[in-house]
Amino acid sequence: MTLLSLDSTRPTCVKRWSAPGHWHLVAAGPAQGIILNEASNRLNLAQHYRVTCFISWSPCFSCAQVLAKFLQENTHVSLSTFAYLIYDHHGIYKEGLRRLNRAGAPVSIMKYREFKHCWDTFVDHQRRPFQLWEKVDEHSQNASRRLQATLQNQG
């Protein structure tokens, strides 16, 4: 597993290696596309790569387009994204999420399990226990319903 983490102030990656062929990516905004495009030059075309992204906001329309195009051009890469918030600042965001879904790159809303995984894997927590913040479960359930309605073309 390759763990990629991005400092959102600079487009650089920190990598930690484990099992080949699976990446976990923590990224901010358009960084997903930047990292994937840069990484694609180093990928072995004979191997399949699974990339899991944990991001604060779901991809905006433009980023979703870039990611879908990347996946279309790199069929040896599959992408799963977990987001805390749905980027809904522009009306066309829904079509971007649908395009990613059609490209085989589902976006899901982060729940306890994903937050805990990020805490355990990416945070220097210095042995402090993971604690969810207030109303995160309620938010996750509401955002998941909104996302499902969007993907089913009902929202």
N, C-alpha and C. Protein backbone atom coordinates (compact mmCIF):
# COMPACT_ATOMS: atom_id res chain seq x y z
N MET A 1 0.85 -1.16 0.00
CA MET A 1 0.00 0.00 0.00
C MET A 1 0.89 1.23 0.00
N THR A 2 0.62 2.17 -0.86
CA THR A 2 1.32 3.44 -0.87
C THR A 2 0.40 4.46 -0.24
N LEU A 3 0.88 5.17 0.73
CA LEU A 3 0.09 6.20 1.36
C LEU A 3 0.60 7.55 0.89
N LEU A 4 -0.25 8.33 0.28
CA LEU A 4 0.13 9.64 -0.19
C LEU A 4 -0.61 10.68 0.64
N SER A 5 0.11 11.66 1.10
CA SER A 5 -0.51 12.73 1.85
C SER A 5 -0.06 14.04 1.23
N LEU A 6 -0.95 15.01 1.16
CA LEU A 6 -0.63 16.26 0.50
C LEU A 6 -0.72 17.41 1.48
N ASP A 7 0.30 18.25 1.49
CA ASP A 7 0.24 19.52 2.19
C ASP A 7 -0.48 20.47 1.26
N SER A 8 -1.66 20.94 1.65
CA SER A 8 -2.50 21.73 0.74
C SER A 8 -1.88 23.06 0.37
N THR A 9 -0.79 23.48 1.02
CA THR A 9 -0.16 24.74 0.66
C THR A 9 0.88 24.55 -0.43
N ARG A 10 1.27 23.31 -0.68
CA ARG A 10 2.25 23.02 -1.73
C ARG A 10 1.86 21.73 -2.41
N PRO A 11 1.99 21.67 -3.75
CA PRO A 11 1.63 20.43 -4.46
C PRO A 11 2.73 19.38 -4.39
N THR A 12 3.03 18.90 -3.19
CA THR A 12 4.02 17.85 -3.03
C THR A 12 3.39 16.68 -2.30
N CYS A 13 3.96 15.52 -2.45
CA CYS A 13 3.43 14.31 -1.83
C CYS A 13 4.43 13.76 -0.83
N VAL A 14 3.90 13.16 0.20
CA VAL A 14 4.71 12.39 1.14
C VAL A 14 4.26 10.95 0.96
N LYS A 15 5.19 10.05 0.67
CA LYS A 15 4.81 8.68 0.39
C LYS A 15 5.32 7.75 1.48
N ARG A 16 4.52 6.75 1.80
CA ARG A 16 4.91 5.69 2.71
C ARG A 16 4.51 4.40 2.03
N TRP A 17 5.40 3.45 1.90
CA TRP A 17 5.15 2.24 1.12
C TRP A 17 4.77 1.07 2.00
N SER A 18 3.83 0.27 1.53
CA SER A 18 3.48 -0.99 2.17
C SER A 18 3.28 -2.03 1.08
N ALA A 19 2.01 -2.32 0.75
CA ALA A 19 1.71 -3.32 -0.27
C ALA A 19 1.55 -2.64 -1.63
N PRO A 20 2.12 -3.21 -2.69
CA PRO A 20 2.02 -2.59 -4.00
C PRO A 20 0.59 -2.61 -4.54
N GLY A 21 0.28 -1.58 -5.33
CA GLY A 21 -0.97 -1.58 -6.05
C GLY A 21 -2.15 -0.91 -5.37
N HIS A 22 -2.00 -0.42 -4.15
CA HIS A 22 -3.13 0.27 -3.50
C HIS A 22 -2.61 1.53 -2.83
N TRP A 23 -3.22 2.65 -3.18
CA TRP A 23 -2.84 3.93 -2.60
C TRP A 23 -3.98 4.45 -1.77
N HIS A 24 -3.65 5.12 -0.69
CA HIS A 24 -4.60 5.93 0.05
C HIS A 24 -4.12 7.36 -0.13
N LEU A 25 -5.00 8.25 -0.50
CA LEU A 25 -4.64 9.61 -0.82
C LEU A 25 -5.44 10.56 0.05
N VAL A 26 -4.74 11.42 0.76
CA VAL A 26 -5.38 12.49 1.50
C VAL A 26 -5.05 13.75 0.73
N ALA A 27 -6.07 14.43 0.22
CA ALA A 27 -5.82 15.56 -0.65
C ALA A 27 -6.82 16.67 -0.39
N ALA A 28 -6.46 17.85 -0.81
CA ALA A 28 -7.34 19.00 -0.68
C ALA A 28 -7.70 19.50 -2.07
N GLY A 29 -8.99 19.55 -2.35
CA GLY A 29 -9.50 20.11 -3.60
C GLY A 29 -8.91 19.49 -4.84
N PRO A 30 -8.40 20.32 -5.76
CA PRO A 30 -7.95 19.82 -7.06
C PRO A 30 -6.68 18.99 -6.98
N ALA A 31 -6.16 18.78 -5.79
CA ALA A 31 -4.92 18.02 -5.65
C ALA A 31 -5.06 16.59 -6.15
N GLN A 32 -6.26 16.00 -6.07
CA GLN A 32 -6.44 14.63 -6.55
C GLN A 32 -5.95 14.49 -7.98
N GLY A 33 -6.43 15.37 -8.84
CA GLY A 33 -6.06 15.31 -10.25
C GLY A 33 -4.58 15.56 -10.47
N ILE A 34 -4.02 16.52 -9.73
CA ILE A 34 -2.60 16.84 -9.86
C ILE A 34 -1.76 15.62 -9.51
N ILE A 35 -2.06 15.01 -8.38
CA ILE A 35 -1.28 13.86 -7.93
C ILE A 35 -1.45 12.68 -8.88
N LEU A 36 -2.68 12.40 -9.28
CA LEU A 36 -2.90 11.26 -10.17
C LEU A 36 -2.21 11.47 -11.51
N ASN A 37 -2.29 12.67 -12.06
CA ASN A 37 -1.63 12.93 -13.35
C ASN A 37 -0.13 12.80 -13.23
N GLU A 38 0.44 13.31 -12.14
CA GLU A 38 1.89 13.18 -11.95
C GLU A 38 2.27 11.72 -11.73
N ALA A 39 1.50 11.01 -10.95
CA ALA A 39 1.80 9.62 -10.64
C ALA A 39 1.65 8.73 -11.87
N SER A 40 0.75 9.09 -12.78
CA SER A 40 0.49 8.22 -13.94
C SER A 40 1.74 8.01 -14.78
N ASN A 41 2.67 8.96 -14.76
CA ASN A 41 3.91 8.79 -15.51
C ASN A 41 4.79 7.70 -14.94
N ARG A 42 4.55 7.31 -13.69
CA ARG A 42 5.39 6.31 -13.03
C ARG A 42 4.70 4.96 -12.87
N LEU A 43 3.47 4.85 -13.36
CA LEU A 43 2.71 3.63 -13.15
C LEU A 43 3.09 2.56 -14.17
N ASN A 44 3.12 1.35 -13.70
CA ASN A 44 3.37 0.20 -14.56
C ASN A 44 2.04 -0.16 -15.23
N LEU A 45 1.97 -0.07 -16.54
CA LEU A 45 0.73 -0.33 -17.27
C LEU A 45 0.24 -1.76 -17.12
N ALA A 46 1.13 -2.66 -16.72
CA ALA A 46 0.74 -4.06 -16.57
C ALA A 46 0.11 -4.35 -15.21
N GLN A 47 0.15 -3.38 -14.32
CA GLN A 47 -0.39 -3.58 -12.97
C GLN A 47 -1.63 -2.71 -12.78
N HIS A 48 -2.59 -3.22 -12.01
CA HIS A 48 -3.79 -2.43 -11.68
C HIS A 48 -3.57 -1.72 -10.35
N TYR A 49 -3.97 -0.46 -10.29
CA TYR A 49 -3.81 0.34 -9.09
C TYR A 49 -5.19 0.75 -8.56
N ARG A 50 -5.37 0.62 -7.26
CA ARG A 50 -6.59 1.09 -6.58
C ARG A 50 -6.21 2.29 -5.75
N VAL A 51 -6.85 3.42 -5.98
CA VAL A 51 -6.57 4.65 -5.26
C VAL A 51 -7.79 5.00 -4.42
N THR A 52 -7.58 5.22 -3.14
CA THR A 52 -8.64 5.65 -2.25
C THR A 52 -8.29 7.04 -1.76
N CYS A 53 -9.19 8.00 -2.00
CA CYS A 53 -8.96 9.39 -1.59
C CYS A 53 -9.85 9.74 -0.42
N PHE A 54 -9.29 10.43 0.54
CA PHE A 54 -10.04 10.96 1.68
C PHE A 54 -9.90 12.47 1.60
N ILE A 55 -11.01 13.17 1.34
CA ILE A 55 -10.95 14.61 1.12
C ILE A 55 -12.04 15.31 1.92
N SER A 56 -11.82 16.58 2.19
CA SER A 56 -12.81 17.36 2.93
C SER A 56 -14.06 17.60 2.09
N TRP A 57 -13.87 18.03 0.85
CA TRP A 57 -14.98 18.35 -0.05
C TRP A 57 -15.00 17.39 -1.22
N SER A 58 -16.19 17.01 -1.66
CA SER A 58 -16.28 16.21 -2.88
C SER A 58 -15.72 17.04 -4.04
N PRO A 59 -15.27 16.39 -5.10
CA PRO A 59 -14.71 17.14 -6.22
C PRO A 59 -15.74 18.09 -6.83
N CYS A 60 -15.28 19.29 -7.20
CA CYS A 60 -16.14 20.22 -7.92
C CYS A 60 -16.33 19.70 -9.35
N PHE A 61 -17.15 20.35 -10.12
CA PHE A 61 -17.43 19.90 -11.48
C PHE A 61 -16.15 19.77 -12.30
N SER A 62 -15.30 20.81 -12.27
CA SER A 62 -14.07 20.80 -13.07
C SER A 62 -13.13 19.67 -12.65
N CYS A 63 -12.97 19.49 -11.34
CA CYS A 63 -12.09 18.43 -10.85
C CYS A 63 -12.66 17.05 -11.21
N ALA A 64 -13.97 16.92 -11.12
CA ALA A 64 -14.61 15.65 -11.48
C ALA A 64 -14.35 15.33 -12.95
N GLN A 65 -14.39 16.35 -13.80
CA GLN A 65 -14.11 16.15 -15.23
C GLN A 65 -12.67 15.66 -15.43
N VAL A 66 -11.74 16.31 -14.74
CA VAL A 66 -10.32 15.92 -14.84
C VAL A 66 -10.12 14.48 -14.38
N LEU A 67 -10.73 14.14 -13.26
CA LEU A 67 -10.58 12.78 -12.73
C LEU A 67 -11.20 11.74 -13.65
N ALA A 68 -12.40 12.03 -14.17
CA ALA A 68 -13.05 11.09 -15.08
C ALA A 68 -12.21 10.89 -16.34
N LYS A 69 -11.65 11.97 -16.86
CA LYS A 69 -10.78 11.88 -18.05
C LYS A 69 -9.53 11.05 -17.74
N PHE A 70 -8.93 11.30 -16.58
CA PHE A 70 -7.77 10.53 -16.16
C PHE A 70 -8.09 9.04 -16.14
N LEU A 71 -9.22 8.68 -15.54
CA LEU A 71 -9.60 7.27 -15.44
C LEU A 71 -9.90 6.66 -16.80
N GLN A 72 -10.46 7.45 -17.69
CA GLN A 72 -10.73 6.97 -19.05
C GLN A 72 -9.42 6.68 -19.78
N GLU A 73 -8.41 7.48 -19.53
CA GLU A 73 -7.11 7.31 -20.19
C GLU A 73 -6.21 6.31 -19.47
N ASN A 74 -6.55 5.98 -18.23
CA ASN A 74 -5.72 5.08 -17.42
C ASN A 74 -6.61 3.98 -16.85
N THR A 75 -6.98 3.05 -17.70
CA THR A 75 -7.93 2.00 -17.30
C THR A 75 -7.34 1.04 -16.28
N HIS A 76 -6.05 1.12 -16.03
CA HIS A 76 -5.40 0.27 -15.02
C HIS A 76 -5.45 0.90 -13.62
N VAL A 77 -6.18 2.03 -13.50
CA VAL A 77 -6.33 2.72 -12.22
C VAL A 77 -7.82 2.78 -11.87
N SER A 78 -8.16 2.42 -10.63
CA SER A 78 -9.53 2.60 -10.15
C SER A 78 -9.47 3.56 -8.97
N LEU A 79 -10.54 4.34 -8.80
CA LEU A 79 -10.56 5.40 -7.81
C LEU A 79 -11.82 5.32 -6.97
N SER A 80 -11.65 5.43 -5.66
CA SER A 80 -12.76 5.58 -4.71
C SER A 80 -12.46 6.83 -3.90
N THR A 81 -13.49 7.63 -3.67
CA THR A 81 -13.31 8.88 -2.93
C THR A 81 -14.28 8.93 -1.76
N PHE A 82 -13.75 9.31 -0.61
CA PHE A 82 -14.56 9.55 0.58
C PHE A 82 -14.42 11.04 0.90
N ALA A 83 -15.55 11.73 0.98
CA ALA A 83 -15.56 13.16 1.29
C ALA A 83 -16.42 13.42 2.51
N TYR A 84 -16.10 14.47 3.24
CA TYR A 84 -16.91 14.85 4.39
C TYR A 84 -18.06 15.75 3.94
N LEU A 85 -17.79 16.66 3.02
CA LEU A 85 -18.78 17.63 2.57
C LEU A 85 -19.02 17.51 1.08
N ILE A 86 -20.21 17.85 0.64
CA ILE A 86 -20.51 17.87 -0.79
C ILE A 86 -20.25 19.28 -1.30
N TYR A 87 -19.38 19.38 -2.29
CA TYR A 87 -19.09 20.67 -2.90
C TYR A 87 -20.28 21.05 -3.77
N ASP A 88 -21.11 21.96 -3.27
CA ASP A 88 -22.34 22.31 -3.98
C ASP A 88 -22.44 23.81 -4.24
N HIS A 89 -21.28 24.45 -4.44
CA HIS A 89 -21.26 25.90 -4.62
C HIS A 89 -21.69 26.34 -6.02
N HIS A 90 -21.69 25.44 -6.96
CA HIS A 90 -22.11 25.76 -8.32
C HIS A 90 -23.12 24.71 -8.75
N GLY A 91 -24.13 25.13 -9.47
CA GLY A 91 -25.23 24.25 -9.83
C GLY A 91 -24.84 23.00 -10.60
N ILE A 92 -23.73 23.05 -11.34
CA ILE A 92 -23.37 21.90 -12.16
C ILE A 92 -22.58 20.83 -11.41
N TYR A 93 -22.37 21.04 -10.10
CA TYR A 93 -21.59 20.07 -9.33
C TYR A 93 -22.21 18.68 -9.41
N LYS A 94 -23.54 18.63 -9.49
CA LYS A 94 -24.21 17.33 -9.51
C LYS A 94 -23.80 16.51 -10.73
N GLU A 95 -23.69 17.18 -11.87
CA GLU A 95 -23.30 16.46 -13.08
C GLU A 95 -21.87 15.93 -12.96
N GLY A 96 -21.00 16.68 -12.29
CA GLY A 96 -19.63 16.20 -12.06
C GLY A 96 -19.61 14.94 -11.22
N LEU A 97 -20.42 14.91 -10.16
CA LEU A 97 -20.49 13.72 -9.32
C LEU A 97 -21.07 12.54 -10.08
N ARG A 98 -22.06 12.79 -10.91
CA ARG A 98 -22.65 11.72 -11.73
C ARG A 98 -21.63 11.21 -12.75
N ARG A 99 -20.85 12.12 -13.32
CA ARG A 99 -19.84 11.70 -14.31
C ARG A 99 -18.80 10.80 -13.65
N LEU A 100 -18.36 11.18 -12.47
CA LEU A 100 -17.40 10.33 -11.74
C LEU A 100 -18.00 8.96 -11.46
N ASN A 101 -19.23 8.93 -11.05
CA ASN A 101 -19.91 7.68 -10.76
C ASN A 101 -19.99 6.81 -12.01
N ARG A 102 -20.35 7.42 -13.15
CA ARG A 102 -20.41 6.67 -14.42
C ARG A 102 -19.03 6.17 -14.84
N ALA A 103 -17.99 6.91 -14.44
CA ALA A 103 -16.61 6.51 -14.78
C ALA A 103 -16.11 5.40 -13.87
N GLY A 104 -16.96 4.94 -12.95
CA GLY A 104 -16.56 3.86 -12.05
C GLY A 104 -15.77 4.36 -10.86
N ALA A 105 -15.90 5.65 -10.55
CA ALA A 105 -15.17 6.25 -9.43
C ALA A 105 -16.15 6.82 -8.43
N PRO A 106 -16.76 5.96 -7.63
CA PRO A 106 -17.79 6.43 -6.71
C PRO A 106 -17.26 7.39 -5.65
N VAL A 107 -18.09 8.36 -5.32
CA VAL A 107 -17.83 9.26 -4.21
C VAL A 107 -18.77 8.84 -3.09
N SER A 108 -18.23 8.68 -1.90
CA SER A 108 -19.04 8.34 -0.72
C SER A 108 -18.78 9.38 0.35
N ILE A 109 -19.71 9.48 1.26
CA ILE A 109 -19.55 10.40 2.39
C ILE A 109 -18.83 9.67 3.52
N MET A 110 -17.88 10.36 4.12
CA MET A 110 -17.13 9.75 5.22
C MET A 110 -18.04 9.53 6.42
N LYS A 111 -17.85 8.37 7.02
CA LYS A 111 -18.55 8.01 8.25
C LYS A 111 -17.49 7.69 9.31
N TYR A 112 -17.93 7.26 10.46
CA TYR A 112 -17.00 6.98 11.56
C TYR A 112 -15.81 6.13 11.10
N ARG A 113 -16.10 5.07 10.38
CA ARG A 113 -15.04 4.13 9.96
C ARG A 113 -13.94 4.84 9.18
N GLU A 114 -14.31 5.72 8.22
CA GLU A 114 -13.33 6.41 7.40
C GLU A 114 -12.56 7.47 8.21
N PHE A 115 -13.28 8.19 9.09
CA PHE A 115 -12.60 9.16 9.95
C PHE A 115 -11.58 8.46 10.85
N LYS A 116 -11.98 7.35 11.42
CA LYS A 116 -11.08 6.59 12.31
C LYS A 116 -9.88 6.08 11.52
N HIS A 117 -10.11 5.58 10.31
CA HIS A 117 -9.01 5.11 9.47
C HIS A 117 -8.02 6.25 9.19
N CYS A 118 -8.53 7.41 8.85
CA CYS A 118 -7.64 8.56 8.59
C CYS A 118 -6.86 8.94 9.84
N TRP A 119 -7.54 8.94 10.97
CA TRP A 119 -6.88 9.27 12.25
C TRP A 119 -5.76 8.27 12.53
N ASP A 120 -6.06 7.00 12.39
CA ASP A 120 -5.07 5.97 12.69
C ASP A 120 -3.92 5.94 11.68
N THR A 121 -4.21 6.26 10.43
CA THR A 121 -3.24 6.09 9.36
C THR A 121 -2.43 7.34 9.06
N PHE A 122 -3.06 8.51 9.10
CA PHE A 122 -2.41 9.72 8.60
C PHE A 122 -2.08 10.77 9.66
N VAL A 123 -2.67 10.67 10.84
CA VAL A 123 -2.51 11.72 11.85
C VAL A 123 -1.48 11.30 12.89
N ASP A 124 -0.59 12.24 13.21
CA ASP A 124 0.36 12.02 14.30
C ASP A 124 -0.37 12.34 15.61
N HIS A 125 -1.20 11.40 16.05
CA HIS A 125 -2.09 11.63 17.18
C HIS A 125 -1.44 11.40 18.54
N GLN A 126 -0.20 10.95 18.54
CA GLN A 126 0.58 10.75 19.76
C GLN A 126 -0.19 9.94 20.80
N ARG A 127 -0.82 8.87 20.31
CA ARG A 127 -1.55 7.90 21.13
C ARG A 127 -2.83 8.45 21.78
N ARG A 128 -3.28 9.61 21.32
CA ARG A 128 -4.57 10.11 21.81
C ARG A 128 -5.67 9.33 21.11
N PRO A 129 -6.75 9.03 21.80
CA PRO A 129 -7.84 8.27 21.17
C PRO A 129 -8.62 9.14 20.17
N PHE A 130 -9.15 8.48 19.18
CA PHE A 130 -9.97 9.18 18.19
C PHE A 130 -11.32 9.54 18.79
N GLN A 131 -11.77 10.76 18.57
CA GLN A 131 -13.09 11.19 19.04
C GLN A 131 -13.77 11.97 17.93
N LEU A 132 -14.99 11.53 17.60
CA LEU A 132 -15.78 12.28 16.62
C LEU A 132 -16.26 13.57 17.23
N TRP A 133 -16.43 14.57 16.39
CA TRP A 133 -16.96 15.82 16.88
C TRP A 133 -18.49 15.80 16.84
N GLU A 134 -19.08 16.79 17.47
CA GLU A 134 -20.52 16.85 17.65
C GLU A 134 -21.27 16.83 16.31
N LYS A 135 -22.31 16.05 16.24
CA LYS A 135 -23.24 15.95 15.12
C LYS A 135 -22.63 15.43 13.82
N VAL A 136 -21.45 14.81 13.87
CA VAL A 136 -20.85 14.31 12.64
C VAL A 136 -21.67 13.15 12.06
N ASP A 137 -22.23 12.29 12.91
CA ASP A 137 -23.05 11.18 12.41
C ASP A 137 -24.29 11.71 11.70
N GLU A 138 -24.93 12.69 12.30
CA GLU A 138 -26.11 13.30 11.69
C GLU A 138 -25.76 13.93 10.34
N HIS A 139 -24.66 14.65 10.31
CA HIS A 139 -24.22 15.26 9.06
C HIS A 139 -23.94 14.20 7.99
N SER A 140 -23.22 13.16 8.38
CA SER A 140 -22.88 12.10 7.42
C SER A 140 -24.13 11.45 6.84
N GLN A 141 -25.11 11.20 7.67
CA GLN A 141 -26.35 10.58 7.18
C GLN A 141 -27.08 11.51 6.21
N ASN A 142 -27.18 12.80 6.56
CA ASN A 142 -27.86 13.75 5.68
C ASN A 142 -27.11 13.92 4.36
N ALA A 143 -25.79 14.05 4.44
CA ALA A 143 -24.99 14.21 3.22
C ALA A 143 -25.06 12.95 2.36
N SER A 144 -25.07 11.78 2.98
CA SER A 144 -25.19 10.53 2.21
C SER A 144 -26.51 10.46 1.46
N ARG A 145 -27.59 10.89 2.11
CA ARG A 145 -28.90 10.91 1.43
C ARG A 145 -28.89 11.88 0.25
N ARG A 146 -28.32 13.06 0.46
CA ARG A 146 -28.23 14.04 -0.63
C ARG A 146 -27.40 13.50 -1.79
N LEU A 147 -26.28 12.87 -1.46
CA LEU A 147 -25.42 12.32 -2.50
C LEU A 147 -26.12 11.22 -3.28
N GLN A 148 -26.79 10.31 -2.59
CA GLN A 148 -27.52 9.23 -3.27
C GLN A 148 -28.61 9.78 -4.17
N ALA A 149 -29.33 10.80 -3.71
CA ALA A 149 -30.37 11.43 -4.54
C ALA A 149 -29.74 12.05 -5.78
N THR A 150 -28.59 12.68 -5.62
CA THR A 150 -27.90 13.27 -6.77
C THR A 150 -27.49 12.19 -7.76
N LEU A 151 -26.89 11.12 -7.26
CA LEU A 151 -26.41 10.06 -8.15
C LEU A 151 -27.55 9.33 -8.84
N GLN A 152 -28.70 9.31 -8.21
CA GLN A 152 -29.88 8.67 -8.82
C GLN A 152 -30.67 9.68 -9.64
N ASN A 153 -30.08 10.87 -9.83
CA ASN A 153 -30.68 11.91 -10.66
C ASN A 153 -32.00 12.41 -10.09
N GLN A 154 -32.13 12.39 -8.76
CA GLN A 154 -33.35 12.86 -8.11
C GLN A 154 -33.12 14.14 -7.33
N GLY A 155 -31.91 14.57 -7.24
CA GLY A 155 -31.64 15.74 -6.41
C GLY A 155 -30.92 16.81 -7.16
